[in-house]
Amino acid sequence: MKIVTLSENYAKDKGILAEHGLSLYLETFNSDGTINHRILFDTGQCDVFIKNAQKLGVDLSNVDSVVISHGHYDHAGGLNNFLKINKKAKIYMKMEALAPKFHKGNSFIGFEPDMSLLSGRIEFIDEITNIGESTFIFPDIKIFNEIDTSFFGDDTFDDELFLTVIENSEITILSSCSHRGITNIVKAAYDFFGLPVNSIIGGFHTRDASMERIGFIADNLKSYSPGSIGICHCTGLELFSVFKEKMPDTRVYYNYSGKKTII
């Protein structure tokens, strides 16, 4: 599997843009090395992911499936821009993603898709859905322990989903924001497949979390013995070193805008 981070909060390479948002491009492969499926997981908040894709050699017109993790502007705001350059990809999301979103009941933080562009292409999911041969969308994240508490109010993030990819009898878990808790997300994937965890990639929404919560997450993730953890976006760049220190036996890296990862 190949993962290219098209948009993220931080960039370090010349000509690559950054923004508060996240967009990941995935390629899964057949046994003969040919591409099986091309997936775009979120679209950031504008067209940054498109500009970076051009510089990184990613042809977004070839994308087969788009998965929207939840209905916040920094993850779905660029969807209209994508729909104008790609005429074939199916768009997967939960219906709840289209509901208006507000931060603490005040500022609007949702997105406004052009429904004429979405017509005939959107697929609302409410059960585990297989796209390609090895990628699964998980729309149900049960709360077992920790959860993001930075968004006060009535939002329980019922629109959130995540991806799991199976390769070599191991799973890679991709979560864009983990509002319902990264430990709950990993548990959901692990319990369903019963396979070893190869890698965990995404935002953990821990930027304003207490050190107690950070320690709990680190200890919980260590129990799965993942080969690597690529943290980004709402995890908080400043917490990268904290997670790395608390997980000395795991390869913990920052998944910045423009990074290419082969798993």
C-alpha atoms as a PDB file:
ATOM      1  CA  MET A   1       0.000   0.000   0.000  1.00  0.00           C
ATOM      2  CA  LYS A   2       1.156   3.502  -0.816  1.00  0.00           C
ATOM      3  CA  ILE A   3      -0.020   6.552   1.128  1.00  0.00           C
ATOM      4  CA  VAL A   4       0.632  10.136   0.065  1.00  0.00           C
ATOM      5  CA  THR A   5      -0.336  12.906   2.479  1.00  0.00           C
ATOM      6  CA  LEU A   6      -1.773  15.580   0.190  1.00  0.00           C
ATOM      7  CA  SER A   7      -2.755  18.074   2.865  1.00  0.00           C
ATOM      8  CA  GLU A   8      -1.822  18.486   6.516  1.00  0.00           C
ATOM      9  CA  ASN A   9      -1.082  21.228   9.048  1.00  0.00           C
ATOM     10  CA  TYR A  10       2.681  21.168   8.462  1.00  0.00           C
ATOM     11  CA  ALA A  11       4.905  20.997   5.386  1.00  0.00           C
ATOM     12  CA  LYS A  12       8.687  20.921   5.189  1.00  0.00           C
ATOM     13  CA  ASP A  13       9.489  20.432   1.498  1.00  0.00           C
ATOM     14  CA  LYS A  14       9.859  23.309  -0.967  1.00  0.00           C
ATOM     15  CA  GLY A  15       6.708  24.009  -2.964  1.00  0.00           C
ATOM     16  CA  ILE A  16       4.424  21.838  -0.798  1.00  0.00           C
ATOM     17  CA  LEU A  17       1.545  23.676   0.880  1.00  0.00           C
ATOM     18  CA  ALA A  18       0.113  23.184   4.365  1.00  0.00           C
ATOM     19  CA  GLU A  19      -3.230  24.052   5.925  1.00  0.00           C
ATOM     20  CA  HIS A  20      -5.311  23.186   8.951  1.00  0.00           C
ATOM     21  CA  GLY A  21      -6.841  20.053   7.470  1.00  0.00           C
ATOM     22  CA  LEU A  22      -6.109  16.569   6.225  1.00  0.00           C
ATOM     23  CA  SER A  23      -6.247  14.674   2.933  1.00  0.00           C
ATOM     24  CA  LEU A  24      -4.663  11.279   2.283  1.00  0.00           C
ATOM     25  CA  TYR A  25      -4.253   9.488  -1.053  1.00  0.00           C
ATOM     26  CA  LEU A  26      -4.019   5.676  -0.976  1.00  0.00           C
ATOM     27  CA  GLU A  27      -3.114   3.087  -3.569  1.00  0.00           C
ATOM     28  CA  THR A  28      -3.664  -0.598  -2.839  1.00  0.00           C
ATOM     29  CA  PHE A  29      -2.076  -3.257  -5.047  1.00  0.00           C
ATOM     30  CA  ASN A  30      -2.836  -6.634  -6.569  1.00  0.00           C
ATOM     31  CA  SER A  31      -0.516  -9.601  -6.025  1.00  0.00           C
ATOM     32  CA  ASP A  32       1.174  -8.869  -9.371  1.00  0.00           C
ATOM     33  CA  GLY A  33       2.037  -5.318  -8.307  1.00  0.00           C
ATOM     34  CA  THR A  34      -0.603  -3.530 -10.364  1.00  0.00           C
ATOM     35  CA  ILE A  35      -2.834  -0.945  -8.709  1.00  0.00           C
ATOM     36  CA  ASN A  36      -6.064  -2.387  -7.342  1.00  0.00           C
ATOM     37  CA  HIS A  37      -7.809   0.732  -6.034  1.00  0.00           C
ATOM     38  CA  ARG A  38      -7.129   4.462  -5.677  1.00  0.00           C
ATOM     39  CA  ILE A  39      -8.735   6.137  -2.671  1.00  0.00           C
ATOM     40  CA  LEU A  40      -8.900   9.745  -1.504  1.00  0.00           C
ATOM     41  CA  PHE A  41      -9.518   9.929   2.239  1.00  0.00           C
ATOM     42  CA  ASP A  42     -10.782  13.461   2.946  1.00  0.00           C
ATOM     43  CA  THR A  43     -10.161  16.615   0.933  1.00  0.00           C
ATOM     44  CA  GLY A  44      -8.817  19.184   3.374  1.00  0.00           C
ATOM     45  CA  GLN A  45     -10.559  22.551   3.529  1.00  0.00           C
ATOM     46  CA  CYS A  46      -9.965  23.981   0.038  1.00  0.00           C
ATOM     47  CA  ASP A  47      -7.839  23.134  -3.030  1.00  0.00           C
ATOM     48  CA  VAL A  48      -4.475  22.692  -1.292  1.00  0.00           C
ATOM     49  CA  PHE A  49      -4.668  18.920  -1.755  1.00  0.00           C
ATOM     50  CA  ILE A  50      -5.131  19.390  -5.520  1.00  0.00           C
ATOM     51  CA  LYS A  51      -2.149  21.728  -5.834  1.00  0.00           C
ATOM     52  CA  ASN A  52       0.038  19.381  -3.804  1.00  0.00           C
ATOM     53  CA  ALA A  53      -1.167  16.347  -5.769  1.00  0.00           C
ATOM     54  CA  GLN A  54       0.062  17.963  -8.972  1.00  0.00           C
ATOM     55  CA  LYS A  55       3.487  18.577  -7.447  1.00  0.00           C
ATOM     56  CA  LEU A  56       3.650  15.060  -5.981  1.00  0.00           C
ATOM     57  CA  GLY A  57       2.704  13.255  -9.196  1.00  0.00           C
ATOM     58  CA  VAL A  58      -0.748  12.138  -8.053  1.00  0.00           C
ATOM     59  CA  ASP A  59      -3.435  12.206 -10.766  1.00  0.00           C
ATOM     60  CA  LEU A  60      -6.671  12.815  -8.889  1.00  0.00           C
ATOM     61  CA  SER A  61      -8.745  12.250 -12.029  1.00  0.00           C
ATOM     62  CA  ASN A  62      -7.913   8.535 -11.647  1.00  0.00           C
ATOM     63  CA  VAL A  63      -9.240   8.242  -8.077  1.00  0.00           C
ATOM     64  CA  ASP A  64     -11.811   5.422  -7.787  1.00  0.00           C
ATOM     65  CA  SER A  65     -13.332   6.230  -4.386  1.00  0.00           C
ATOM     66  CA  VAL A  66     -13.512   9.197  -2.039  1.00  0.00           C
ATOM     67  CA  VAL A  67     -14.186   8.618   1.652  1.00  0.00           C
ATOM     68  CA  ILE A  68     -15.233  11.562   3.832  1.00  0.00           C
ATOM     69  CA  SER A  69     -14.378  10.873   7.462  1.00  0.00           C
ATOM     70  CA  HIS A  70     -16.842  13.404   8.908  1.00  0.00           C
ATOM     71  CA  GLY A  71     -18.554  16.648   8.056  1.00  0.00           C
ATOM     72  CA  HIS A  72     -16.079  19.285   9.238  1.00  0.00           C
ATOM     73  CA  TYR A  73     -14.760  21.939   6.828  1.00  0.00           C
ATOM     74  CA  ASP A  74     -11.098  20.945   7.302  1.00  0.00           C
ATOM     75  CA  HIS A  75     -11.818  17.413   6.063  1.00  0.00           C
ATOM     76  CA  ALA A  76     -14.583  17.886   3.501  1.00  0.00           C
ATOM     77  CA  GLY A  77     -14.273  21.518   2.428  1.00  0.00           C
ATOM     78  CA  GLY A  78     -12.373  20.613  -0.741  1.00  0.00           C
ATOM     79  CA  LEU A  79     -14.907  18.065  -1.990  1.00  0.00           C
ATOM     80  CA  ASN A  80     -16.539  20.411  -4.515  1.00  0.00           C
ATOM     81  CA  ASN A  81     -13.124  21.168  -6.012  1.00  0.00           C
ATOM     82  CA  PHE A  82     -12.448  17.441  -6.380  1.00  0.00           C
ATOM     83  CA  LEU A  83     -15.804  16.759  -8.040  1.00  0.00           C
ATOM     84  CA  LYS A  84     -14.948  19.281 -10.748  1.00  0.00           C
ATOM     85  CA  ILE A  85     -11.788  17.419 -11.796  1.00  0.00           C
ATOM     86  CA  ASN A  86     -12.894  13.820 -11.259  1.00  0.00           C
ATOM     87  CA  LYS A  87     -16.116  12.629 -12.897  1.00  0.00           C
ATOM     88  CA  LYS A  88     -16.101   8.945 -11.938  1.00  0.00           C
ATOM     89  CA  ALA A  89     -15.222   8.372  -8.274  1.00  0.00           C
ATOM     90  CA  LYS A  90     -17.898   7.212  -5.850  1.00  0.00           C
ATOM     91  CA  ILE A  91     -18.223   9.356  -2.733  1.00  0.00           C
ATOM     92  CA  TYR A  92     -18.700   7.514   0.566  1.00  0.00           C
ATOM     93  CA  MET A  93     -19.830   9.162   3.785  1.00  0.00           C
ATOM     94  CA  LYS A  94     -22.376   8.836   6.551  1.00  0.00           C
ATOM     95  CA  MET A  95     -25.601  10.757   6.041  1.00  0.00           C
ATOM     96  CA  GLU A  96     -24.951  12.575   9.317  1.00  0.00           C
ATOM     97  CA  ALA A  97     -21.926  14.250   7.695  1.00  0.00           C
ATOM     98  CA  LEU A  98     -24.290  16.596   5.843  1.00  0.00           C
ATOM     99  CA  ALA A  99     -25.918  17.897   9.022  1.00  0.00           C
ATOM    100  CA  PRO A 100     -24.863  21.456  10.054  1.00  0.00           C
ATOM    101  CA  LYS A 101     -21.820  21.480  12.368  1.00  0.00           C
ATOM    102  CA  PHE A 102     -21.007  24.115  14.960  1.00  0.00           C
ATOM    103  CA  HIS A 103     -18.130  24.560  17.369  1.00  0.00           C
ATOM    104  CA  LYS A 104     -19.485  24.874  20.896  1.00  0.00           C
ATOM    105  CA  GLY A 105     -22.822  25.865  19.403  1.00  0.00           C
ATOM    106  CA  ASN A 106     -21.455  29.021  17.786  1.00  0.00           C
ATOM    107  CA  SER A 107     -19.236  29.160  14.692  1.00  0.00           C
ATOM    108  CA  PHE A 108     -20.166  27.039  11.670  1.00  0.00           C
ATOM    109  CA  ILE A 109     -17.530  24.367  11.002  1.00  0.00           C
ATOM    110  CA  GLY A 110     -19.404  22.144   8.548  1.00  0.00           C
ATOM    111  CA  PHE A 111     -19.145  22.039   4.768  1.00  0.00           C
ATOM    112  CA  GLU A 112     -21.562  22.851   1.971  1.00  0.00           C
ATOM    113  CA  PRO A 113     -21.362  20.346  -0.883  1.00  0.00           C
ATOM    114  CA  ASP A 114     -22.709  21.156  -4.312  1.00  0.00           C
ATOM    115  CA  MET A 115     -25.459  18.542  -4.502  1.00  0.00           C
ATOM    116  CA  SER A 116     -25.665  18.895  -8.275  1.00  0.00           C
ATOM    117  CA  LEU A 117     -22.046  17.703  -8.509  1.00  0.00           C
ATOM    118  CA  LEU A 118     -22.758  14.885  -6.040  1.00  0.00           C
ATOM    119  CA  SER A 119     -25.842  13.663  -7.879  1.00  0.00           C
ATOM    120  CA  GLY A 120     -25.607   9.953  -8.698  1.00  0.00           C
ATOM    121  CA  ARG A 121     -22.185   9.607  -7.082  1.00  0.00           C
ATOM    122  CA  ILE A 122     -22.775   9.642  -3.345  1.00  0.00           C
ATOM    123  CA  GLU A 123     -23.252   6.504  -1.273  1.00  0.00           C
ATOM    124  CA  PHE A 124     -24.348   6.838   2.332  1.00  0.00           C
ATOM    125  CA  ILE A 125     -23.097   3.970   4.455  1.00  0.00           C
ATOM    126  CA  ASP A 126     -24.306   2.595   7.766  1.00  0.00           C
ATOM    127  CA  GLU A 127     -22.430  -0.702   7.886  1.00  0.00           C
ATOM    128  CA  ILE A 128     -18.884  -1.925   7.295  1.00  0.00           C
ATOM    129  CA  THR A 129     -18.288  -1.497   3.572  1.00  0.00           C
ATOM    130  CA  ASN A 130     -15.567  -3.027   1.392  1.00  0.00           C
ATOM    131  CA  ILE A 131     -14.092  -0.874  -1.388  1.00  0.00           C
ATOM    132  CA  GLY A 132     -11.481  -2.389  -3.637  1.00  0.00           C
ATOM    133  CA  GLU A 133     -10.335  -5.777  -2.373  1.00  0.00           C
ATOM    134  CA  SER A 134      -8.557  -4.907   0.850  1.00  0.00           C
ATOM    135  CA  THR A 135     -10.016  -1.633   2.186  1.00  0.00           C
ATOM    136  CA  PHE A 136     -12.930  -1.418   4.595  1.00  0.00           C
ATOM    137  CA  ILE A 137     -14.917   1.605   5.761  1.00  0.00           C
ATOM    138  CA  PHE A 138     -16.009   1.427   9.409  1.00  0.00           C
ATOM    139  CA  PRO A 139     -18.995   3.714  10.109  1.00  0.00           C
ATOM    140  CA  ASP A 140     -19.726   2.553  13.670  1.00  0.00           C
ATOM    141  CA  ILE A 141     -17.302   3.525  16.440  1.00  0.00           C
ATOM    142  CA  LYS A 142     -18.488   2.352  19.842  1.00  0.00           C
ATOM    143  CA  ILE A 143     -17.237   4.243  22.881  1.00  0.00           C
ATOM    144  CA  PHE A 144     -15.303   1.954  25.213  1.00  0.00           C
ATOM    145  CA  ASN A 145     -13.008   4.407  26.976  1.00  0.00           C
ATOM    146  CA  GLU A 146     -11.490   7.773  25.925  1.00  0.00           C
ATOM    147  CA  ILE A 147     -13.226  10.311  23.701  1.00  0.00           C
ATOM    148  CA  ASP A 148     -12.442  13.810  22.433  1.00  0.00           C
ATOM    149  CA  THR A 149     -13.986  16.327  24.858  1.00  0.00           C
ATOM    150  CA  SER A 150     -12.743  19.540  23.235  1.00  0.00           C
ATOM    151  CA  PHE A 151     -16.041  20.086  21.372  1.00  0.00           C
ATOM    152  CA  PHE A 152     -18.492  20.879  24.133  1.00  0.00           C
ATOM    153  CA  GLY A 153     -22.182  20.601  23.418  1.00  0.00           C
ATOM    154  CA  ASP A 154     -24.447  17.934  22.003  1.00  0.00           C
ATOM    155  CA  ASP A 155     -22.203  16.721  19.161  1.00  0.00           C
ATOM    156  CA  THR A 156     -21.336  13.058  19.665  1.00  0.00           C
ATOM    157  CA  PHE A 157     -19.736  12.820  16.199  1.00  0.00           C
ATOM    158  CA  ASP A 158     -22.102  10.180  14.881  1.00  0.00           C
ATOM    159  CA  ASP A 159     -20.932  11.129  11.375  1.00  0.00           C
ATOM    160  CA  GLU A 160     -17.378   9.877  11.952  1.00  0.00           C
ATOM    161  CA  LEU A 161     -15.899   6.860  10.172  1.00  0.00           C
ATOM    162  CA  PHE A 162     -12.439   5.410   9.542  1.00  0.00           C
ATOM    163  CA  LEU A 163     -10.586   3.082   7.164  1.00  0.00           C
ATOM    164  CA  THR A 164      -8.861  -0.250   7.678  1.00  0.00           C
ATOM    165  CA  VAL A 165      -6.649  -1.867   5.043  1.00  0.00           C
ATOM    166  CA  ILE A 166      -5.591  -5.521   5.144  1.00  0.00           C
ATOM    167  CA  GLU A 167      -2.199  -6.472   3.718  1.00  0.00           C
ATOM    168  CA  ASN A 168      -0.082  -9.555   4.472  1.00  0.00           C
ATOM    169  CA  SER A 169      -2.588 -10.660   7.140  1.00  0.00           C
ATOM    170  CA  GLU A 170      -2.077  -7.429   9.094  1.00  0.00           C
ATOM    171  CA  ILE A 171      -4.184  -4.287   9.373  1.00  0.00           C
ATOM    172  CA  THR A 172      -3.394  -0.630   8.854  1.00  0.00           C
ATOM    173  CA  ILE A 173      -5.847   1.781  10.466  1.00  0.00           C
ATOM    174  CA  LEU A 174      -6.411   5.290   9.117  1.00  0.00           C
ATOM    175  CA  SER A 175      -8.376   7.837  11.117  1.00  0.00           C
ATOM    176  CA  SER A 176      -8.712  11.473  10.138  1.00  0.00           C
ATOM    177  CA  CYS A 177      -9.721  13.062  13.453  1.00  0.00           C
ATOM    178  CA  SER A 178     -10.625  10.406  16.029  1.00  0.00           C
ATOM    179  CA  HIS A 179     -13.267  12.531  17.742  1.00  0.00           C
ATOM    180  CA  ARG A 180     -14.743   9.312  19.114  1.00  0.00           C
ATOM    181  CA  GLY A 181     -11.340   8.255  20.425  1.00  0.00           C
ATOM    182  CA  ILE A 182      -8.397   6.655  18.641  1.00  0.00           C
ATOM    183  CA  THR A 183      -8.316   3.822  21.193  1.00  0.00           C
ATOM    184  CA  ASN A 184     -11.965   3.029  20.390  1.00  0.00           C
ATOM    185  CA  ILE A 185     -11.185   3.106  16.677  1.00  0.00           C
ATOM    186  CA  VAL A 186      -8.245   0.717  16.941  1.00  0.00           C
ATOM    187  CA  LYS A 187     -10.268  -1.616  19.160  1.00  0.00           C
ATOM    188  CA  ALA A 188     -13.142  -1.684  16.649  1.00  0.00           C
ATOM    189  CA  ALA A 189     -10.826  -2.719  13.812  1.00  0.00           C
ATOM    190  CA  TYR A 190      -8.844  -5.200  15.884  1.00  0.00           C
ATOM    191  CA  ASP A 191     -11.944  -6.875  17.341  1.00  0.00           C
ATOM    192  CA  PHE A 192     -13.541  -7.216  13.906  1.00  0.00           C
ATOM    193  CA  PHE A 193     -10.580  -8.700  12.048  1.00  0.00           C
ATOM    194  CA  GLY A 194      -8.581 -10.287  14.875  1.00  0.00           C
ATOM    195  CA  LEU A 195      -5.364  -9.508  12.978  1.00  0.00           C
ATOM    196  CA  PRO A 196      -2.100  -7.881  14.136  1.00  0.00           C
ATOM    197  CA  VAL A 197      -1.898  -4.095  13.819  1.00  0.00           C
ATOM    198  CA  ASN A 198       0.788  -3.070  11.348  1.00  0.00           C
ATOM    199  CA  SER A 199       0.319   0.697  11.346  1.00  0.00           C
ATOM    200  CA  ILE A 200      -1.907   3.461  12.744  1.00  0.00           C
ATOM    201  CA  ILE A 201      -2.057   6.738  10.817  1.00  0.00           C
ATOM    202  CA  GLY A 202      -4.045   9.906  11.363  1.00  0.00           C
ATOM    203  CA  GLY A 203      -5.180  12.626  13.704  1.00  0.00           C
ATOM    204  CA  PHE A 204      -5.879  11.757  17.333  1.00  0.00           C
ATOM    205  CA  HIS A 205      -7.490  15.084  18.370  1.00  0.00           C
ATOM    206  CA  THR A 206      -5.228  15.406  21.383  1.00  0.00           C
ATOM    207  CA  ARG A 207      -3.833  18.910  20.858  1.00  0.00           C
ATOM    208  CA  ASP A 208      -5.552  20.202  24.011  1.00  0.00           C
ATOM    209  CA  ALA A 209      -5.651  16.882  25.860  1.00  0.00           C
ATOM    210  CA  SER A 210      -4.331  16.360  29.371  1.00  0.00           C
ATOM    211  CA  MET A 211      -1.104  14.447  29.915  1.00  0.00           C
ATOM    212  CA  GLU A 212      -3.223  11.823  31.675  1.00  0.00           C
ATOM    213  CA  ARG A 213      -5.210  11.223  28.487  1.00  0.00           C
ATOM    214  CA  ILE A 214      -2.046  11.224  26.373  1.00  0.00           C
ATOM    215  CA  GLY A 215      -0.518   8.616  28.664  1.00  0.00           C
ATOM    216  CA  PHE A 216      -3.651   6.473  28.498  1.00  0.00           C
ATOM    217  CA  ILE A 217      -3.706   6.581  24.695  1.00  0.00           C
ATOM    218  CA  ALA A 218      -0.010   5.737  24.429  1.00  0.00           C
ATOM    219  CA  ASP A 219      -0.320   2.791  26.831  1.00  0.00           C
ATOM    220  CA  ASN A 220      -3.426   1.518  25.067  1.00  0.00           C
ATOM    221  CA  LEU A 221      -1.900   1.692  21.587  1.00  0.00           C
ATOM    222  CA  LYS A 222       1.289   0.013  22.810  1.00  0.00           C
ATOM    223  CA  SER A 223      -0.780  -3.006  23.847  1.00  0.00           C
ATOM    224  CA  TYR A 224      -1.405  -3.734  20.133  1.00  0.00           C
ATOM    225  CA  SER A 225       2.348  -3.688  19.348  1.00  0.00           C
ATOM    226  CA  PRO A 226       1.947  -1.667  16.129  1.00  0.00           C
ATOM    227  CA  GLY A 227       4.895  -1.569  13.769  1.00  0.00           C
ATOM    228  CA  SER A 228       4.533   2.179  13.272  1.00  0.00           C
ATOM    229  CA  ILE A 229       2.348   5.152  14.152  1.00  0.00           C
ATOM    230  CA  GLY A 230       2.081   8.188  11.868  1.00  0.00           C
ATOM    231  CA  ILE A 231       0.510  11.037  13.808  1.00  0.00           C
ATOM    232  CA  CYS A 232      -0.670  14.279  12.232  1.00  0.00           C
ATOM    233  CA  HIS A 233      -3.226  17.089  12.015  1.00  0.00           C
ATOM    234  CA  CYS A 234      -5.253  17.422  15.233  1.00  0.00           C
ATOM    235  CA  THR A 235      -2.861  15.262  17.265  1.00  0.00           C
ATOM    236  CA  GLY A 236      -0.777  18.402  17.648  1.00  0.00           C
ATOM    237  CA  LEU A 237       2.724  18.795  16.273  1.00  0.00           C
ATOM    238  CA  GLU A 238       3.988  19.709  19.736  1.00  0.00           C
ATOM    239  CA  LEU A 239       2.825  16.322  21.066  1.00  0.00           C
ATOM    240  CA  PHE A 240       4.826  14.331  18.517  1.00  0.00           C
ATOM    241  CA  SER A 241       7.831  14.133  20.840  1.00  0.00           C
ATOM    242  CA  VAL A 242       5.598  13.199  23.786  1.00  0.00           C
ATOM    243  CA  PHE A 243       4.103  10.203  21.986  1.00  0.00           C
ATOM    244  CA  LYS A 244       7.533   9.238  20.676  1.00  0.00           C
ATOM    245  CA  GLU A 245       8.977   9.333  24.196  1.00  0.00           C
ATOM    246  CA  LYS A 246       6.116   7.306  25.666  1.00  0.00           C
ATOM    247  CA  MET A 247       6.366   4.641  22.940  1.00  0.00           C
ATOM    248  CA  PRO A 248      10.126   3.948  22.633  1.00  0.00           C
ATOM    249  CA  ASP A 249       9.645   0.507  21.076  1.00  0.00           C
ATOM    250  CA  THR A 250       7.358   1.780  18.290  1.00  0.00           C
ATOM    251  CA  ARG A 251       8.401   3.761  15.217  1.00  0.00           C
ATOM    252  CA  VAL A 252       6.471   6.997  15.762  1.00  0.00           C
ATOM    253  CA  TYR A 253       6.744   9.576  12.982  1.00  0.00           C
ATOM    254  CA  TYR A 254       5.031  12.808  11.960  1.00  0.00           C
ATOM    255  CA  ASN A 255       2.889  12.434   8.840  1.00  0.00           C
ATOM    256  CA  TYR A 256       3.437  15.874   7.297  1.00  0.00           C
ATOM    257  CA  SER A 257       2.016  17.322   4.089  1.00  0.00           C
ATOM    258  CA  GLY A 258       3.845  15.772   1.127  1.00  0.00           C
ATOM    259  CA  LYS A 259       5.056  12.654   2.927  1.00  0.00           C
ATOM    260  CA  LYS A 260       4.987   9.376   0.999  1.00  0.00           C
ATOM    261  CA  THR A 261       4.679   6.138   2.957  1.00  0.00           C
ATOM    262  CA  ILE A 262       4.942   2.557   1.690  1.00  0.00           C
ATOM    263  CA  ILE A 263       3.432  -0.139   3.905  1.00  0.00           C
END
